[in-house]
Protein backbone atom coordinates (compact mmCIF):
# COMPACT_ATOMS: atom_id res chain seq x y z
CA MET A 1 1.17 -35.56 -19.03
CA ASN A 2 0.21 -37.47 -15.90
CA ARG A 3 -1.05 -35.04 -13.24
CA ASN A 4 -1.44 -37.18 -10.15
CA ILE A 5 -0.89 -34.61 -7.39
CA VAL A 6 -4.01 -32.99 -5.92
CA MET A 7 -3.63 -29.57 -4.33
CA LYS A 8 -6.35 -27.95 -2.24
CA PHE A 9 -6.89 -24.43 -0.96
CA ARG A 10 -9.63 -22.47 0.75
CA ALA A 11 -11.57 -19.58 -0.76
CA THR A 12 -14.61 -17.51 0.11
CA GLU A 13 -17.76 -17.80 -1.98
CA GLU A 14 -16.88 -14.49 -3.67
CA GLU A 15 -13.30 -15.59 -4.41
CA ALA A 16 -14.49 -18.92 -5.82
CA ALA A 17 -17.02 -17.13 -8.04
CA ASP A 18 -14.28 -14.76 -9.28
CA ILE A 19 -11.99 -17.69 -10.06
CA ARG A 20 -14.73 -19.52 -11.97
CA ARG A 21 -15.63 -16.35 -13.89
CA LYS A 22 -12.01 -15.64 -14.84
CA ALA A 23 -11.42 -19.27 -15.86
CA SER A 24 -14.48 -19.21 -18.07
CA ALA A 25 -13.47 -15.87 -19.60
CA ALA A 26 -9.98 -17.27 -20.35
CA ALA A 27 -11.01 -19.18 -23.46
CA GLY A 28 -13.30 -21.43 -21.44
CA MET A 29 -10.52 -22.95 -19.35
CA THR A 30 -11.36 -25.34 -16.57
CA VAL A 31 -10.75 -23.99 -13.09
CA SER A 32 -7.88 -26.46 -12.64
CA ARG A 33 -6.17 -25.39 -15.84
CA PHE A 34 -6.73 -21.71 -15.10
CA LEU A 35 -5.26 -21.95 -11.59
CA ARG A 36 -2.35 -24.11 -12.74
CA THR A 37 -1.54 -21.74 -15.61
CA SER A 38 -1.90 -18.67 -13.38
CA ALA A 39 0.34 -20.12 -10.67
CA VAL A 40 3.05 -21.44 -12.98
CA LYS A 41 3.27 -18.70 -15.61
CA SER A 42 2.65 -15.55 -13.61
CA GLN A 43 4.69 -13.59 -11.09
CA VAL A 44 3.60 -12.38 -7.68
CA LEU A 45 5.16 -9.08 -6.63
CA LEU A 46 5.57 -8.44 -2.92
CA TYR A 47 6.25 -4.80 -2.13
CA ASN A 48 8.36 -3.91 0.89
CA THR A 49 6.45 -1.09 2.56
CA ALA A 50 8.16 -1.28 5.97
CA ASP A 51 9.97 2.03 5.46
CA ILE A 52 6.74 3.87 4.73
CA TYR A 53 5.29 2.95 8.12
CA GLY A 54 8.08 4.91 9.80
CA LEU A 55 6.68 8.05 8.22
CA ARG A 56 3.46 7.74 10.22
CA SER A 57 5.09 9.09 13.36
CA ASP A 58 6.43 12.07 11.40
CA ILE A 59 2.98 12.78 10.01
CA LYS A 60 1.43 12.55 13.48
CA ARG A 61 4.05 14.90 14.90
CA ILE A 62 3.45 17.49 12.20
CA GLY A 63 -0.31 17.10 12.67
CA ASN A 64 0.11 17.83 16.39
CA ASN A 65 2.15 20.93 15.54
CA ILE A 66 -0.56 22.12 13.15
CA ASN A 67 -3.19 21.63 15.85
CA GLN A 68 -1.12 23.58 18.37
CA ILE A 69 -0.65 26.46 15.95
CA ALA A 70 -4.37 26.42 15.14
CA MET A 71 -5.25 26.59 18.86
CA VAL A 72 -2.88 29.52 19.34
CA ALA A 73 -4.30 31.28 16.30
CA ASN A 74 -7.85 30.78 17.55
CA SER A 75 -7.08 31.98 21.08
CA ASN A 76 -4.62 34.82 20.40
CA LYS A 77 -5.76 35.65 16.89
CA SER A 78 -2.10 35.61 15.89
CA VAL A 79 0.62 33.10 15.10
CA TYR A 80 4.37 33.52 15.26
CA LEU A 81 6.03 33.55 11.88
CA SER A 82 8.80 31.33 13.26
CA ASP A 83 6.20 28.63 14.09
CA VAL A 84 4.81 28.74 10.56
CA ARG A 85 8.32 28.57 9.07
CA GLU A 86 9.22 25.59 11.26
CA LEU A 87 6.02 23.82 10.29
CA ARG A 88 6.68 24.51 6.61
CA LYS A 89 10.23 23.18 7.01
CA GLN A 90 8.95 19.99 8.66
CA PHE A 91 6.32 19.55 5.97
CA ASN A 92 8.89 19.95 3.17
CA GLU A 93 11.22 17.44 4.85
CA MET A 94 8.37 14.97 5.21
CA SER A 95 7.32 15.45 1.58
CA LYS A 96 10.87 14.74 0.41
CA SER A 97 11.06 11.69 2.65
CA ILE A 98 7.77 10.31 1.33
CA ALA A 99 8.85 10.87 -2.27
CA GLU A 100 12.19 9.19 -1.54
CA HIS A 101 10.48 6.14 -0.05
CA LEU A 102 7.81 5.79 -2.71
CA LYS A 103 10.06 6.22 -5.74
CA PRO A 104 11.95 2.93 -5.57
CA LEU A 105 9.38 0.74 -3.84
CA SER A 106 11.36 -2.44 -3.69
CA TYR A 107 9.61 -5.69 -4.47
CA GLU A 108 10.35 -9.36 -4.49
CA VAL A 109 9.25 -11.62 -7.32
CA LEU A 110 8.07 -15.00 -6.18
């Protein structure tokens, strides 16, 4: 097979050392053969995590509520049961939402 196309890419010293090590460990392949085989015969999975980032605001909001309840508890030495119930409700909703988003992490095969 005539391979007349040269492809170049940049790597750090550590990445280059890892590539050389893996190529050598793969039945003594040359770096060219190892990279070619890896690129042609493997799949790259790209996970779509955009939905998870939306949960950050929910987590921050609940964290603020926890801090407010803690300040009240420290100053008054008591907390309203309704505040604790609301916080528990928010936490349960957030937990369900996180589980829902993590379960079917969608991905794209390149």
